[in-house]
Amino acid sequence: MIRKANSGLFAAMRANLLALWSVVLFAAVFHATGSGTVWAQSTVDEYRMKAAFLFHFAQLVEWPADTPADGGNSLFLCTLGEDPFRGELENTVEGKQIGSRTLRIRHLKSPQDTRGCHVLFISNSEDKRMAVLLANLRNAPVLTVGEADDFLGAGGMIRFCLEGNKVRFEINREAAESARLRISSQLLLLAKNVVGGNGGK
């Protein structure tokens, strides 16, 4: 009887903590974007929201201690290919602090330039060579983020998707674990879907 009561209490606490965390996370997104809604009303709104999410991904992922740090105390968020953010990354997140590190933005044209990136957003303009790009980055400590339908299946780690106009995301936990990236349990709980890895769906 006590065990059942404790189990019920734990479940209730877990639900409350998840609800609280969702409020905190999305409140932070609203603050970063200047928006009072999680619904993207235009392409500009969509990528402003995605820029804020990228910042929170960087907050909620832990890189291995031996990750190369070419930029000293900088944490580099890179885009590869055509940049759909059109300045929103600079406007929304560049210069923000993540622990002791300062977030910096790089826009890359060549896959050979990805050295030193901590987070890499792969544009849909790279769709034809996406599988090769992700294969080359496999096991590298780089958090890969994209939007293509088959992004997770090709080995990407986080995929943005839309439900109506609402920005959501899915996680390939196995790909992250292979690269020794630790994704926080809070981020896993907020994902629309988690595939692969320990406890993956």
N, C-alpha and C. Protein backbone atom coordinates (compact mmCIF):
# COMPACT_ATOMS: atom_id res chain seq x y z
N MET A 1 0.84 -1.20 0.00
CA MET A 1 0.00 0.00 0.00
C MET A 1 0.87 1.25 0.00
N ILE A 2 1.91 1.23 0.86
CA ILE A 2 2.81 2.37 0.94
C ILE A 2 3.56 2.53 -0.37
N ARG A 3 3.97 1.35 -0.96
CA ARG A 3 4.69 1.40 -2.22
C ARG A 3 3.84 2.04 -3.31
N LYS A 4 2.53 1.67 -3.36
CA LYS A 4 1.64 2.24 -4.36
C LYS A 4 1.48 3.74 -4.14
N ALA A 5 1.37 4.14 -2.88
CA ALA A 5 1.20 5.55 -2.57
C ALA A 5 2.43 6.33 -2.99
N ASN A 6 3.61 5.76 -2.67
CA ASN A 6 4.85 6.44 -3.05
C ASN A 6 5.00 6.54 -4.56
N SER A 7 4.58 5.48 -5.25
CA SER A 7 4.66 5.48 -6.71
C SER A 7 3.77 6.56 -7.30
N GLY A 8 2.55 6.68 -6.74
CA GLY A 8 1.64 7.70 -7.21
C GLY A 8 2.17 9.10 -6.93
N LEU A 9 2.77 9.28 -5.75
CA LEU A 9 3.34 10.56 -5.39
C LEU A 9 4.49 10.93 -6.32
N PHE A 10 5.35 9.93 -6.62
CA PHE A 10 6.49 10.18 -7.51
C PHE A 10 6.01 10.56 -8.90
N ALA A 11 4.97 9.88 -9.38
CA ALA A 11 4.44 10.18 -10.72
C ALA A 11 3.89 11.60 -10.76
N ALA A 12 3.18 11.99 -9.70
CA ALA A 12 2.62 13.34 -9.64
C ALA A 12 3.72 14.39 -9.59
N MET A 13 4.77 14.12 -8.80
CA MET A 13 5.89 15.06 -8.70
C MET A 13 6.58 15.19 -10.04
N ARG A 14 6.76 14.06 -10.71
CA ARG A 14 7.43 14.06 -12.02
C ARG A 14 6.62 14.88 -13.03
N ALA A 15 5.29 14.71 -13.01
CA ALA A 15 4.43 15.46 -13.93
C ALA A 15 4.51 16.95 -13.63
N ASN A 16 4.52 17.30 -12.34
CA ASN A 16 4.59 18.71 -11.97
C ASN A 16 5.92 19.33 -12.37
N LEU A 17 7.01 18.57 -12.17
CA LEU A 17 8.33 19.07 -12.54
C LEU A 17 8.43 19.27 -14.05
N LEU A 18 7.86 18.33 -14.81
CA LEU A 18 7.88 18.45 -16.27
C LEU A 18 7.10 19.68 -16.70
N ALA A 19 5.93 19.88 -16.10
CA ALA A 19 5.12 21.05 -16.45
C ALA A 19 5.86 22.33 -16.10
N LEU A 20 6.51 22.35 -14.92
CA LEU A 20 7.25 23.53 -14.49
C LEU A 20 8.41 23.80 -15.45
N TRP A 21 9.14 22.73 -15.80
CA TRP A 21 10.27 22.91 -16.70
C TRP A 21 9.81 23.44 -18.07
N SER A 22 8.69 22.94 -18.55
CA SER A 22 8.17 23.41 -19.84
C SER A 22 7.88 24.90 -19.78
N VAL A 23 7.27 25.33 -18.68
CA VAL A 23 6.97 26.75 -18.52
C VAL A 23 8.26 27.56 -18.50
N VAL A 24 9.27 27.08 -17.74
CA VAL A 24 10.53 27.81 -17.63
C VAL A 24 11.22 27.89 -18.98
N LEU A 25 11.29 26.75 -19.68
CA LEU A 25 11.97 26.72 -20.97
C LEU A 25 11.29 27.64 -21.97
N PHE A 26 9.97 27.53 -22.10
CA PHE A 26 9.29 28.34 -23.09
C PHE A 26 9.24 29.80 -22.69
N ALA A 27 9.24 30.09 -21.39
CA ALA A 27 9.33 31.48 -20.96
C ALA A 27 10.67 32.07 -21.39
N ALA A 28 11.72 31.25 -21.27
CA ALA A 28 13.04 31.71 -21.70
C ALA A 28 13.07 31.94 -23.20
N VAL A 29 12.40 31.06 -23.95
CA VAL A 29 12.31 31.24 -25.40
C VAL A 29 11.58 32.53 -25.73
N PHE A 30 10.47 32.79 -25.03
CA PHE A 30 9.71 34.02 -25.28
C PHE A 30 10.59 35.24 -25.02
N HIS A 31 11.35 35.16 -23.91
CA HIS A 31 12.20 36.30 -23.55
C HIS A 31 13.26 36.53 -24.61
N ALA A 32 13.83 35.43 -25.10
CA ALA A 32 14.91 35.55 -26.09
C ALA A 32 14.39 36.06 -27.42
N THR A 33 13.16 35.72 -27.77
CA THR A 33 12.64 36.06 -29.09
C THR A 33 11.77 37.30 -29.09
N GLY A 34 11.33 37.73 -27.91
CA GLY A 34 10.41 38.86 -27.86
C GLY A 34 9.02 38.47 -28.30
N SER A 35 8.72 37.17 -28.31
CA SER A 35 7.41 36.70 -28.77
C SER A 35 6.63 36.15 -27.59
N GLY A 36 5.31 36.31 -27.59
CA GLY A 36 4.48 35.79 -26.52
C GLY A 36 3.77 34.51 -26.90
N THR A 37 4.23 33.84 -27.95
CA THR A 37 3.55 32.64 -28.40
C THR A 37 4.54 31.63 -28.93
N VAL A 38 4.20 30.35 -28.86
CA VAL A 38 5.07 29.32 -29.42
C VAL A 38 4.70 29.04 -30.86
N TRP A 39 3.78 29.82 -31.41
CA TRP A 39 3.34 29.61 -32.78
C TRP A 39 4.05 30.57 -33.71
N ALA A 40 4.67 30.02 -34.75
CA ALA A 40 5.38 30.85 -35.73
C ALA A 40 4.37 31.37 -36.75
N GLN A 41 4.18 32.67 -36.78
CA GLN A 41 3.19 33.26 -37.69
C GLN A 41 3.77 33.53 -39.07
N SER A 42 5.08 33.50 -39.21
CA SER A 42 5.73 33.75 -40.49
C SER A 42 7.05 33.01 -40.50
N THR A 43 7.72 33.00 -41.65
CA THR A 43 9.04 32.37 -41.74
C THR A 43 10.02 33.07 -40.81
N VAL A 44 9.92 34.39 -40.70
CA VAL A 44 10.80 35.13 -39.80
C VAL A 44 10.57 34.68 -38.36
N ASP A 45 9.30 34.58 -37.95
CA ASP A 45 8.99 34.11 -36.60
C ASP A 45 9.50 32.69 -36.38
N GLU A 46 9.32 31.85 -37.40
CA GLU A 46 9.73 30.45 -37.29
C GLU A 46 11.23 30.34 -36.98
N TYR A 47 12.03 31.09 -37.72
CA TYR A 47 13.47 30.97 -37.53
C TYR A 47 13.98 31.76 -36.33
N ARG A 48 13.23 32.76 -35.91
CA ARG A 48 13.56 33.40 -34.64
C ARG A 48 13.35 32.41 -33.49
N MET A 49 12.25 31.65 -33.57
CA MET A 49 11.98 30.63 -32.56
C MET A 49 13.02 29.52 -32.60
N LYS A 50 13.39 29.09 -33.80
CA LYS A 50 14.38 28.03 -33.92
C LYS A 50 15.75 28.49 -33.42
N ALA A 51 16.08 29.76 -33.63
CA ALA A 51 17.33 30.30 -33.10
C ALA A 51 17.35 30.22 -31.58
N ALA A 52 16.22 30.56 -30.96
CA ALA A 52 16.14 30.47 -29.50
C ALA A 52 16.24 29.02 -29.03
N PHE A 53 15.62 28.10 -29.77
CA PHE A 53 15.73 26.69 -29.41
C PHE A 53 17.18 26.22 -29.51
N LEU A 54 17.91 26.65 -30.53
CA LEU A 54 19.31 26.25 -30.67
C LEU A 54 20.12 26.68 -29.45
N PHE A 55 19.81 27.86 -28.95
CA PHE A 55 20.48 28.33 -27.74
C PHE A 55 20.19 27.40 -26.56
N HIS A 56 18.94 27.00 -26.42
CA HIS A 56 18.59 26.12 -25.31
C HIS A 56 19.13 24.70 -25.51
N PHE A 57 19.24 24.25 -26.75
CA PHE A 57 19.89 22.96 -26.98
C PHE A 57 21.32 23.02 -26.45
N ALA A 58 22.02 24.10 -26.76
CA ALA A 58 23.40 24.25 -26.31
C ALA A 58 23.49 24.29 -24.78
N GLN A 59 22.47 24.84 -24.14
CA GLN A 59 22.44 24.86 -22.67
C GLN A 59 22.24 23.48 -22.07
N LEU A 60 21.50 22.63 -22.79
CA LEU A 60 21.05 21.36 -22.22
C LEU A 60 21.78 20.14 -22.80
N VAL A 61 22.93 20.37 -23.40
CA VAL A 61 23.78 19.29 -23.90
C VAL A 61 25.16 19.44 -23.26
N GLU A 62 25.75 18.32 -22.89
CA GLU A 62 27.08 18.32 -22.28
C GLU A 62 28.07 17.66 -23.24
N TRP A 63 29.13 18.40 -23.57
CA TRP A 63 30.16 17.89 -24.46
C TRP A 63 31.23 17.16 -23.66
N PRO A 64 31.91 16.18 -24.26
CA PRO A 64 32.98 15.48 -23.54
C PRO A 64 34.10 16.45 -23.17
N ALA A 65 34.79 16.15 -22.08
CA ALA A 65 35.81 17.06 -21.55
C ALA A 65 36.95 17.29 -22.53
N ASP A 66 37.21 16.31 -23.41
CA ASP A 66 38.33 16.45 -24.34
C ASP A 66 37.94 17.05 -25.69
N THR A 67 36.75 17.68 -25.76
CA THR A 67 36.34 18.34 -27.00
C THR A 67 37.31 19.46 -27.33
N PRO A 68 37.81 19.52 -28.58
CA PRO A 68 38.72 20.61 -28.96
C PRO A 68 38.08 21.97 -28.70
N ALA A 69 38.86 22.89 -28.19
CA ALA A 69 38.35 24.23 -27.87
C ALA A 69 39.22 25.26 -28.57
N ASP A 70 39.10 25.33 -29.89
CA ASP A 70 39.92 26.25 -30.67
C ASP A 70 39.68 27.70 -30.29
N GLY A 71 38.48 27.99 -29.84
CA GLY A 71 38.13 29.38 -29.54
C GLY A 71 38.21 29.73 -28.07
N GLY A 72 38.99 29.00 -27.30
CA GLY A 72 39.11 29.30 -25.88
C GLY A 72 37.80 29.07 -25.16
N ASN A 73 37.22 30.15 -24.61
CA ASN A 73 35.96 30.04 -23.87
C ASN A 73 34.75 30.29 -24.74
N SER A 74 34.89 30.14 -26.05
CA SER A 74 33.75 30.31 -26.95
C SER A 74 33.10 28.97 -27.23
N LEU A 75 31.78 29.01 -27.44
CA LEU A 75 31.03 27.85 -27.89
C LEU A 75 30.44 28.22 -29.24
N PHE A 76 30.82 27.47 -30.28
CA PHE A 76 30.48 27.87 -31.65
C PHE A 76 29.24 27.16 -32.16
N LEU A 77 28.26 27.98 -32.57
CA LEU A 77 27.06 27.51 -33.23
C LEU A 77 27.23 27.85 -34.70
N CYS A 78 27.31 26.81 -35.54
CA CYS A 78 27.61 27.00 -36.95
C CYS A 78 26.41 26.63 -37.81
N THR A 79 26.30 27.30 -38.95
CA THR A 79 25.35 26.88 -39.97
C THR A 79 26.15 26.46 -41.20
N LEU A 80 25.65 25.45 -41.90
CA LEU A 80 26.30 24.98 -43.11
C LEU A 80 25.32 25.06 -44.27
N GLY A 81 25.73 25.74 -45.34
CA GLY A 81 24.84 25.91 -46.49
C GLY A 81 24.09 27.24 -46.41
N GLU A 82 23.03 27.34 -47.18
CA GLU A 82 22.23 28.57 -47.19
C GLU A 82 21.66 28.82 -45.80
N ASP A 83 21.81 30.04 -45.32
CA ASP A 83 21.40 30.39 -43.96
C ASP A 83 19.95 30.87 -43.92
N PRO A 84 19.02 30.03 -43.43
CA PRO A 84 17.61 30.45 -43.40
C PRO A 84 17.30 31.41 -42.25
N PHE A 85 18.24 31.60 -41.32
CA PHE A 85 17.99 32.46 -40.17
C PHE A 85 18.11 33.94 -40.53
N ARG A 86 18.89 34.24 -41.54
CA ARG A 86 19.00 35.61 -42.07
C ARG A 86 19.20 36.65 -40.97
N GLY A 87 20.21 36.39 -40.13
CA GLY A 87 20.57 37.35 -39.09
C GLY A 87 19.94 37.09 -37.74
N GLU A 88 18.97 36.18 -37.66
CA GLU A 88 18.29 35.95 -36.38
C GLU A 88 19.21 35.31 -35.34
N LEU A 89 20.18 34.51 -35.77
CA LEU A 89 21.10 33.92 -34.80
C LEU A 89 21.93 35.02 -34.14
N GLU A 90 22.41 35.96 -34.96
CA GLU A 90 23.16 37.07 -34.39
C GLU A 90 22.28 37.94 -33.50
N ASN A 91 21.07 38.22 -33.96
CA ASN A 91 20.17 39.09 -33.20
C ASN A 91 19.69 38.45 -31.90
N THR A 92 19.51 37.12 -31.93
CA THR A 92 18.84 36.45 -30.82
C THR A 92 19.80 35.84 -29.80
N VAL A 93 20.89 35.21 -30.27
CA VAL A 93 21.68 34.41 -29.33
C VAL A 93 23.17 34.72 -29.29
N GLU A 94 23.73 35.37 -30.30
CA GLU A 94 25.19 35.58 -30.27
C GLU A 94 25.59 36.44 -29.08
N GLY A 95 26.65 35.99 -28.40
CA GLY A 95 27.16 36.72 -27.25
C GLY A 95 26.56 36.29 -25.93
N LYS A 96 25.53 35.45 -25.96
CA LYS A 96 24.93 34.97 -24.71
C LYS A 96 25.87 33.99 -24.02
N GLN A 97 25.76 33.92 -22.71
CA GLN A 97 26.63 33.05 -21.92
C GLN A 97 25.98 31.68 -21.71
N ILE A 98 26.77 30.64 -21.84
CA ILE A 98 26.36 29.28 -21.49
C ILE A 98 27.42 28.77 -20.52
N GLY A 99 27.11 28.84 -19.24
CA GLY A 99 28.13 28.56 -18.23
C GLY A 99 29.21 29.63 -18.33
N SER A 100 30.45 29.19 -18.48
CA SER A 100 31.57 30.13 -18.60
C SER A 100 31.89 30.46 -20.04
N ARG A 101 31.11 29.91 -20.98
CA ARG A 101 31.40 30.10 -22.40
C ARG A 101 30.49 31.15 -23.04
N THR A 102 31.02 31.79 -24.07
CA THR A 102 30.26 32.77 -24.83
C THR A 102 29.88 32.17 -26.17
N LEU A 103 28.60 32.27 -26.54
CA LEU A 103 28.12 31.68 -27.79
C LEU A 103 28.51 32.57 -28.97
N ARG A 104 29.15 31.94 -29.95
CA ARG A 104 29.57 32.64 -31.16
C ARG A 104 28.95 31.96 -32.38
N ILE A 105 28.70 32.74 -33.42
CA ILE A 105 28.04 32.24 -34.63
C ILE A 105 29.05 32.19 -35.78
N ARG A 106 29.01 31.09 -36.52
CA ARG A 106 29.81 30.96 -37.75
C ARG A 106 28.90 30.48 -38.87
N HIS A 107 29.04 31.05 -40.04
CA HIS A 107 28.30 30.60 -41.21
C HIS A 107 29.29 29.98 -42.19
N LEU A 108 29.13 28.69 -42.43
CA LEU A 108 30.10 27.93 -43.20
C LEU A 108 29.57 27.66 -44.61
N LYS A 109 30.48 27.59 -45.55
CA LYS A 109 30.13 27.22 -46.92
C LYS A 109 30.64 25.82 -47.28
N SER A 110 31.65 25.36 -46.57
CA SER A 110 32.27 24.07 -46.89
C SER A 110 32.25 23.15 -45.69
N PRO A 111 31.98 21.85 -45.89
CA PRO A 111 32.01 20.89 -44.78
C PRO A 111 33.38 20.79 -44.13
N GLN A 112 34.42 21.16 -44.86
CA GLN A 112 35.76 21.11 -44.30
C GLN A 112 35.98 22.16 -43.22
N ASP A 113 35.06 23.12 -43.10
CA ASP A 113 35.20 24.21 -42.14
C ASP A 113 34.54 23.92 -40.79
N THR A 114 34.03 22.70 -40.61
CA THR A 114 33.24 22.42 -39.40
C THR A 114 34.10 22.19 -38.16
N ARG A 115 35.40 22.10 -38.32
CA ARG A 115 36.27 21.92 -37.16
C ARG A 115 36.05 23.05 -36.16
N GLY A 116 35.90 22.70 -34.91
CA GLY A 116 35.70 23.69 -33.86
C GLY A 116 34.25 24.00 -33.58
N CYS A 117 33.31 23.51 -34.42
CA CYS A 117 31.89 23.74 -34.17
C CYS A 117 31.39 22.83 -33.04
N HIS A 118 30.57 23.37 -32.18
CA HIS A 118 29.94 22.58 -31.13
C HIS A 118 28.51 22.19 -31.54
N VAL A 119 27.81 23.13 -32.15
CA VAL A 119 26.47 22.89 -32.68
C VAL A 119 26.51 23.22 -34.17
N LEU A 120 26.00 22.31 -35.00
CA LEU A 120 26.02 22.52 -36.44
C LEU A 120 24.61 22.37 -37.00
N PHE A 121 24.06 23.47 -37.51
CA PHE A 121 22.77 23.43 -38.19
C PHE A 121 23.04 23.21 -39.67
N ILE A 122 22.52 22.09 -40.21
CA ILE A 122 22.72 21.76 -41.61
C ILE A 122 21.48 22.17 -42.40
N SER A 123 21.66 23.13 -43.28
CA SER A 123 20.55 23.69 -44.05
C SER A 123 20.00 22.67 -45.03
N ASN A 124 18.74 22.87 -45.41
CA ASN A 124 18.13 22.01 -46.42
C ASN A 124 18.80 22.15 -47.78
N SER A 125 19.56 23.23 -47.97
CA SER A 125 20.29 23.38 -49.22
C SER A 125 21.36 22.31 -49.38
N GLU A 126 21.70 21.65 -48.27
CA GLU A 126 22.71 20.59 -48.29
C GLU A 126 22.08 19.21 -48.38
N ASP A 127 20.81 19.15 -48.75
CA ASP A 127 20.06 17.90 -48.71
C ASP A 127 20.71 16.79 -49.54
N LYS A 128 21.25 17.12 -50.71
CA LYS A 128 21.80 16.10 -51.59
C LYS A 128 23.05 15.44 -51.02
N ARG A 129 23.78 16.16 -50.19
CA ARG A 129 24.99 15.57 -49.60
C ARG A 129 24.88 15.41 -48.09
N MET A 130 23.65 15.54 -47.57
CA MET A 130 23.44 15.46 -46.12
C MET A 130 23.92 14.14 -45.54
N ALA A 131 23.58 13.01 -46.19
CA ALA A 131 23.96 11.70 -45.66
C ALA A 131 25.47 11.57 -45.56
N VAL A 132 26.19 12.08 -46.57
CA VAL A 132 27.65 12.02 -46.54
C VAL A 132 28.20 12.92 -45.44
N LEU A 133 27.63 14.12 -45.30
CA LEU A 133 28.06 15.04 -44.25
C LEU A 133 27.91 14.42 -42.87
N LEU A 134 26.75 13.83 -42.63
CA LEU A 134 26.49 13.23 -41.32
C LEU A 134 27.36 12.01 -41.08
N ALA A 135 27.62 11.24 -42.13
CA ALA A 135 28.50 10.08 -42.00
C ALA A 135 29.91 10.52 -41.62
N ASN A 136 30.37 11.62 -42.21
CA ASN A 136 31.71 12.12 -41.90
C ASN A 136 31.81 12.68 -40.48
N LEU A 137 30.67 13.13 -39.95
CA LEU A 137 30.65 13.70 -38.60
C LEU A 137 30.32 12.66 -37.53
N ARG A 138 30.02 11.44 -37.96
CA ARG A 138 29.64 10.41 -37.00
C ARG A 138 30.75 10.22 -35.96
N ASN A 139 30.36 10.19 -34.70
CA ASN A 139 31.24 10.04 -33.55
C ASN A 139 32.03 11.31 -33.21
N ALA A 140 31.90 12.37 -34.02
CA ALA A 140 32.54 13.64 -33.69
C ALA A 140 31.67 14.37 -32.66
N PRO A 141 32.28 15.07 -31.70
CA PRO A 141 31.49 15.75 -30.65
C PRO A 141 30.85 17.04 -31.16
N VAL A 142 29.96 16.89 -32.15
CA VAL A 142 29.26 18.02 -32.74
C VAL A 142 27.77 17.72 -32.71
N LEU A 143 26.98 18.59 -32.09
CA LEU A 143 25.54 18.42 -32.04
C LEU A 143 24.96 18.84 -33.39
N THR A 144 24.50 17.88 -34.18
CA THR A 144 23.98 18.17 -35.51
C THR A 144 22.47 18.40 -35.45
N VAL A 145 22.02 19.46 -36.10
CA VAL A 145 20.61 19.86 -36.09
C VAL A 145 20.19 20.13 -37.53
N GLY A 146 19.00 19.67 -37.91
CA GLY A 146 18.51 19.91 -39.26
C GLY A 146 17.00 19.90 -39.31
N GLU A 147 16.46 19.92 -40.53
CA GLU A 147 15.02 19.99 -40.72
C GLU A 147 14.50 18.94 -41.71
N ALA A 148 15.38 18.30 -42.45
CA ALA A 148 14.96 17.35 -43.48
C ALA A 148 14.20 16.18 -42.87
N ASP A 149 13.24 15.65 -43.61
CA ASP A 149 12.40 14.56 -43.10
C ASP A 149 13.22 13.36 -42.65
N ASP A 150 14.29 13.05 -43.37
CA ASP A 150 15.09 11.87 -43.05
C ASP A 150 16.36 12.21 -42.28
N PHE A 151 16.37 13.38 -41.62
CA PHE A 151 17.58 13.83 -40.94
C PHE A 151 18.01 12.87 -39.84
N LEU A 152 17.09 12.43 -39.00
CA LEU A 152 17.45 11.51 -37.91
C LEU A 152 17.87 10.16 -38.47
N GLY A 153 17.16 9.69 -39.49
CA GLY A 153 17.48 8.41 -40.08
C GLY A 153 18.86 8.38 -40.71
N ALA A 154 19.33 9.55 -41.15
CA ALA A 154 20.65 9.64 -41.76
C ALA A 154 21.76 9.81 -40.73
N GLY A 155 21.37 9.90 -39.45
CA GLY A 155 22.37 10.03 -38.39
C GLY A 155 22.43 11.37 -37.72
N GLY A 156 21.51 12.29 -38.07
CA GLY A 156 21.45 13.58 -37.39
C GLY A 156 20.93 13.42 -35.96
N MET A 157 21.19 14.40 -35.13
CA MET A 157 20.86 14.27 -33.70
C MET A 157 19.55 14.94 -33.30
N ILE A 158 19.29 16.14 -33.82
CA ILE A 158 18.04 16.83 -33.48
C ILE A 158 17.42 17.34 -34.77
N ARG A 159 16.15 17.09 -34.96
CA ARG A 159 15.44 17.54 -36.15
C ARG A 159 14.28 18.45 -35.76
N PHE A 160 14.27 19.66 -36.33
CA PHE A 160 13.12 20.55 -36.17
C PHE A 160 11.98 20.05 -37.05
N CYS A 161 10.76 20.19 -36.54
CA CYS A 161 9.58 19.87 -37.33
C CYS A 161 8.47 20.84 -36.91
N LEU A 162 7.46 20.96 -37.76
CA LEU A 162 6.34 21.84 -37.47
C LEU A 162 5.07 21.04 -37.29
N GLU A 163 4.28 21.41 -36.30
CA GLU A 163 2.92 20.89 -36.14
C GLU A 163 2.01 22.08 -36.33
N GLY A 164 1.37 22.16 -37.51
CA GLY A 164 0.69 23.39 -37.85
C GLY A 164 1.76 24.45 -38.00
N ASN A 165 1.71 25.48 -37.17
CA ASN A 165 2.76 26.50 -37.15
C ASN A 165 3.62 26.41 -35.90
N LYS A 166 3.48 25.34 -35.15
CA LYS A 166 4.20 25.21 -33.89
C LYS A 166 5.53 24.50 -34.11
N VAL A 167 6.60 25.09 -33.61
CA VAL A 167 7.93 24.50 -33.75
C VAL A 167 8.12 23.41 -32.70
N ARG A 168 8.43 22.22 -33.16
CA ARG A 168 8.74 21.08 -32.28
C ARG A 168 10.09 20.51 -32.69
N PHE A 169 10.55 19.49 -31.96
CA PHE A 169 11.81 18.86 -32.33
C PHE A 169 11.81 17.40 -31.92
N GLU A 170 12.61 16.60 -32.65
CA GLU A 170 12.80 15.19 -32.38
C GLU A 170 14.28 14.94 -32.13
N ILE A 171 14.59 13.89 -31.38
CA ILE A 171 15.98 13.61 -31.00
C ILE A 171 16.37 12.18 -31.36
N ASN A 172 17.54 12.05 -31.96
CA ASN A 172 18.18 10.74 -32.18
C ASN A 172 19.20 10.56 -31.06
N ARG A 173 18.78 9.91 -30.00
CA ARG A 173 19.63 9.78 -28.82
C ARG A 173 20.85 8.91 -29.10
N GLU A 174 20.67 7.89 -29.93
CA GLU A 174 21.78 6.99 -30.25
C GLU A 174 22.91 7.74 -30.95
N ALA A 175 22.56 8.62 -31.89
CA ALA A 175 23.58 9.39 -32.60
C ALA A 175 24.35 10.28 -31.63
N ALA A 176 23.64 10.90 -30.69
CA ALA A 176 24.30 11.75 -29.70
C ALA A 176 25.22 10.94 -28.79
N GLU A 177 24.74 9.80 -28.34
CA GLU A 177 25.54 8.96 -27.45
C GLU A 177 26.79 8.44 -28.15
N SER A 178 26.69 8.16 -29.46
CA SER A 178 27.85 7.69 -30.22
C SER A 178 28.94 8.76 -30.27
N ALA A 179 28.53 10.01 -30.22
CA ALA A 179 29.47 11.13 -30.24
C ALA A 179 29.84 11.57 -28.83
N ARG A 180 29.42 10.83 -27.83
CA ARG A 180 29.69 11.11 -26.42
C ARG A 180 29.09 12.44 -25.97
N LEU A 181 27.99 12.81 -26.59
CA LEU A 181 27.25 13.99 -26.15
C LEU A 181 26.15 13.54 -25.19
N ARG A 182 26.03 14.24 -24.10
CA ARG A 182 25.02 13.89 -23.10
C ARG A 182 23.87 14.90 -23.17
N ILE A 183 22.71 14.44 -23.61
CA ILE A 183 21.53 15.29 -23.70
C ILE A 183 20.76 15.19 -22.39
N SER A 184 20.43 16.32 -21.80
CA SER A 184 19.78 16.31 -20.49
C SER A 184 18.41 15.63 -20.56
N SER A 185 18.02 15.07 -19.44
CA SER A 185 16.72 14.41 -19.37
C SER A 185 15.59 15.39 -19.61
N GLN A 186 15.78 16.66 -19.21
CA GLN A 186 14.74 17.67 -19.43
C GLN A 186 14.48 17.86 -20.93
N LEU A 187 15.55 17.93 -21.71
CA LEU A 187 15.38 18.12 -23.15
C LEU A 187 14.75 16.89 -23.78
N LEU A 188 15.13 15.71 -23.33
CA LEU A 188 14.53 14.48 -23.85
C LEU A 188 13.03 14.45 -23.57
N LEU A 189 12.64 14.90 -22.39
CA LEU A 189 11.22 14.90 -22.03
C LEU A 189 10.40 15.88 -22.87
N LEU A 190 11.04 16.97 -23.30
CA LEU A 190 10.32 17.98 -24.06
C LEU A 190 10.26 17.67 -25.55
N ALA A 191 11.05 16.69 -25.99
CA ALA A 191 11.06 16.34 -27.42
C ALA A 191 9.72 15.70 -27.83
N LYS A 192 9.34 15.95 -29.06
CA LYS A 192 8.15 15.31 -29.61
C LYS A 192 8.35 13.81 -29.71
N ASN A 193 9.58 13.42 -30.03
CA ASN A 193 9.89 12.01 -30.22
C ASN A 193 11.38 11.79 -29.95
N VAL A 194 11.72 10.65 -29.33
CA VAL A 194 13.11 10.28 -29.10
C VAL A 194 13.33 8.90 -29.67
N VAL A 195 14.33 8.76 -30.52
CA VAL A 195 14.61 7.45 -31.10
C VAL A 195 16.03 7.03 -30.72
N GLY A 196 16.21 5.69 -30.62
CA GLY A 196 17.54 5.13 -30.36
C GLY A 196 18.03 5.39 -28.95
N GLY A 197 19.16 4.79 -28.62
CA GLY A 197 19.78 4.98 -27.32
C GLY A 197 19.09 4.23 -26.22
N ASN A 198 19.61 4.41 -25.01
CA ASN A 198 19.03 3.75 -23.83
C ASN A 198 17.66 4.32 -23.53
N GLY A 199 16.67 3.49 -23.56
CA GLY A 199 15.32 3.95 -23.27
C GLY A 199 14.69 4.65 -24.44
N GLY A 200 15.31 4.53 -25.62
CA GLY A 200 14.76 5.19 -26.80
C GLY A 200 13.45 4.58 -27.22
N LYS A 201 12.64 5.40 -27.92
CA LYS A 201 11.31 4.96 -28.35
C LYS A 201 11.40 4.29 -29.70
